C-alpha atoms as a PDB file:
ATOM      1  CA  MET A   1    -173.733  72.072  63.560  1.00  0.00           C
ATOM      2  CA  LYS A   2    -174.425  72.741  59.731  1.00  0.00           C
ATOM      3  CA  ALA A   3    -174.325  70.057  57.241  1.00  0.00           C
ATOM      4  CA  ASP A   4    -171.245  71.487  55.257  1.00  0.00           C
ATOM      5  CA  TYR A   5    -169.760  70.211  58.308  1.00  0.00           C
ATOM      6  CA  GLY A   6    -171.048  66.851  57.944  1.00  0.00           C
ATOM      7  CA  ASN A   7    -170.020  66.883  54.359  1.00  0.00           C
ATOM      8  CA  LEU A   8    -166.768  67.599  55.662  1.00  0.00           C
ATOM      9  CA  LEU A   9    -166.514  64.988  58.608  1.00  0.00           C
ATOM     10  CA  LYS A  10    -167.480  62.447  55.266  1.00  0.00           C
ATOM     11  CA  GLU A  11    -164.818  63.445  53.057  1.00  0.00           C
ATOM     12  CA  MET A  12    -162.655  63.126  55.967  1.00  0.00           C
ATOM     13  CA  ARG A  13    -163.804  59.559  56.489  1.00  0.00           C
ATOM     14  CA  ILE A  14    -163.863  58.514  52.852  1.00  0.00           C
ATOM     15  CA  ARG A  15    -160.181  60.119  52.642  1.00  0.00           C
ATOM     16  CA  ALA A  16    -159.158  57.571  55.326  1.00  0.00           C
ATOM     17  CA  GLY A  17    -160.862  55.034  53.374  1.00  0.00           C
ATOM     18  CA  LEU A  18    -163.077  53.895  56.147  1.00  0.00           C
ATOM     19  CA  THR A  19    -166.962  52.995  55.605  1.00  0.00           C
ATOM     20  CA  GLN A  20    -169.517  54.396  58.141  1.00  0.00           C
ATOM     21  CA  GLU A  21    -169.569  50.940  60.094  1.00  0.00           C
ATOM     22  CA  GLN A  22    -165.648  50.896  60.374  1.00  0.00           C
ATOM     23  CA  LEU A  23    -165.276  54.182  61.527  1.00  0.00           C
ATOM     24  CA  GLY A  24    -168.190  53.418  63.612  1.00  0.00           C
ATOM     25  CA  ALA A  25    -166.565  50.317  65.590  1.00  0.00           C
ATOM     26  CA  ILE A  26    -163.661  52.706  66.213  1.00  0.00           C
ATOM     27  CA  LEU A  27    -164.973  55.840  67.703  1.00  0.00           C
ATOM     28  CA  HIS A  28    -167.705  53.120  69.633  1.00  0.00           C
ATOM     29  CA  TYR A  29    -171.058  54.549  67.759  1.00  0.00           C
ATOM     30  CA  SER A  30    -173.762  52.832  64.993  1.00  0.00           C
ATOM     31  CA  LYS A  31    -173.305  53.408  61.831  1.00  0.00           C
ATOM     32  CA  SER A  32    -176.475  55.000  61.705  1.00  0.00           C
ATOM     33  CA  CYS A  33    -175.333  57.135  64.072  1.00  0.00           C
ATOM     34  CA  ILE A  34    -171.781  58.054  62.021  1.00  0.00           C
ATOM     35  CA  SER A  35    -174.611  58.924  59.231  1.00  0.00           C
ATOM     36  CA  LYS A  36    -176.346  61.557  61.063  1.00  0.00           C
ATOM     37  CA  PHE A  37    -173.353  63.208  61.620  1.00  0.00           C
ATOM     38  CA  GLU A  38    -172.581  63.382  58.025  1.00  0.00           C
ATOM     39  CA  LYS A  39    -175.234  64.522  57.150  1.00  0.00           C
ATOM     40  CA  GLY A  40    -175.598  67.183  60.047  1.00  0.00           C
ATOM     41  CA  THR A  41    -178.488  65.843  61.510  1.00  0.00           C
ATOM     42  CA  LYS A  42    -176.527  65.169  64.494  1.00  0.00           C
ATOM     43  CA  GLN A  43    -174.213  67.120  65.849  1.00  0.00           C
ATOM     44  CA  PRO A  44    -170.646  65.422  67.493  1.00  0.00           C
ATOM     45  CA  SER A  45    -169.261  66.759  70.938  1.00  0.00           C
ATOM     46  CA  ILE A  46    -166.027  68.162  70.974  1.00  0.00           C
ATOM     47  CA  VAL A  47    -164.426  64.663  71.898  1.00  0.00           C
ATOM     48  CA  THR A  48    -166.125  62.846  69.064  1.00  0.00           C
ATOM     49  CA  PHE A  49    -164.895  65.340  67.032  1.00  0.00           C
ATOM     50  CA  MET A  50    -161.800  64.987  67.843  1.00  0.00           C
ATOM     51  CA  GLU A  51    -161.693  61.340  68.059  1.00  0.00           C
ATOM     52  CA  TRP A  52    -163.064  61.349  64.741  1.00  0.00           C
ATOM     53  CA  VAL A  53    -160.417  63.646  63.494  1.00  0.00           C
ATOM     54  CA  TYR A  54    -157.739  61.731  65.047  1.00  0.00           C
ATOM     55  CA  ALA A  55    -159.322  58.204  63.790  1.00  0.00           C
ATOM     56  CA  THR A  56    -158.739  59.065  60.138  1.00  0.00           C
ATOM     57  CA  GLY A  57    -155.684  61.184  60.233  1.00  0.00           C
ATOM     58  CA  GLU A  58    -156.869  64.834  59.643  1.00  0.00           C
ATOM     59  CA  PRO A  59    -155.538  66.769  61.145  1.00  0.00           C
ATOM     60  CA  ASP A  60    -155.817  69.898  58.733  1.00  0.00           C
ATOM     61  CA  ARG A  61    -158.819  69.666  57.779  1.00  0.00           C
ATOM     62  CA  ALA A  62    -159.907  69.805  61.232  1.00  0.00           C
ATOM     63  CA  ALA A  63    -158.111  72.898  61.499  1.00  0.00           C
ATOM     64  CA  VAL A  64    -160.190  74.582  58.387  1.00  0.00           C
ATOM     65  CA  LEU A  65    -163.228  73.633  59.795  1.00  0.00           C
ATOM     66  CA  LEU A  66    -162.311  74.480  63.551  1.00  0.00           C
ATOM     67  CA  PHE A  67    -160.319  78.141  62.718  1.00  0.00           C
ATOM     68  CA  GLY A  68    -161.612  78.705  59.061  1.00  0.00           C
ATOM     69  CA  ILE A  69    -157.972  78.783  57.771  1.00  0.00           C
ATOM     70  CA  ASP A  70    -155.913  76.877  55.306  1.00  0.00           C
ATOM     71  CA  VAL A  71    -152.514  74.827  57.331  1.00  0.00           C
ATOM     72  CA  ILE A  72    -150.734  74.392  54.482  1.00  0.00           C
ATOM     73  CA  SER A  73    -151.621  76.696  52.266  1.00  0.00           C
ATOM     74  CA  ASN A  74    -150.271  79.401  55.185  1.00  0.00           C
ATOM     75  CA  ALA A  75    -147.493  77.110  55.703  1.00  0.00           C
ATOM     76  CA  HIS A  76    -146.738  77.368  52.233  1.00  0.00           C
ATOM     77  CA  HIS A  77    -146.778  81.536  52.386  1.00  0.00           C
ATOM     78  CA  PHE A  78    -144.957  81.361  55.076  1.00  0.00           C
ATOM     79  CA  VAL A  79    -141.902  78.903  53.444  1.00  0.00           C
ATOM     80  CA  ASN A  80    -142.363  81.401  50.364  1.00  0.00           C
ATOM     81  CA  MET A  81    -141.743  84.594  52.366  1.00  0.00           C
ATOM     82  CA  MET A  82    -139.029  83.422  54.293  1.00  0.00           C
ATOM     83  CA  PHE A  83    -137.250  81.991  51.398  1.00  0.00           C
ATOM     84  CA  THR A  84    -137.589  85.684  50.140  1.00  0.00           C
ATOM     85  CA  PHE A  85    -135.941  87.281  52.659  1.00  0.00           C
ATOM     86  CA  TRP A  86    -133.156  84.205  52.648  1.00  0.00           C
ATOM     87  CA  LEU A  87    -132.222  85.975  49.210  1.00  0.00           C
ATOM     88  CA  ILE A  88    -132.414  89.663  50.452  1.00  0.00           C
END
């Protein structure tokens, strides 16, 4: 996992209002291990990644990370497009 992914993992944790120690307790990892994930020096398994997503409540960020898409932006464009068709 690249270092920029580590930054996204860190952002997800911070947005959830969790410390590294708190998230580590939830995921059954040490604070040191959480730090390594966030620095990009250790790669979490897909299972750990999904547990991180659920623990932090950040599925939108996970979609961006995994699929390279902005779910919220795409949904906004879709709604605008549907509204335009409704007006016609």
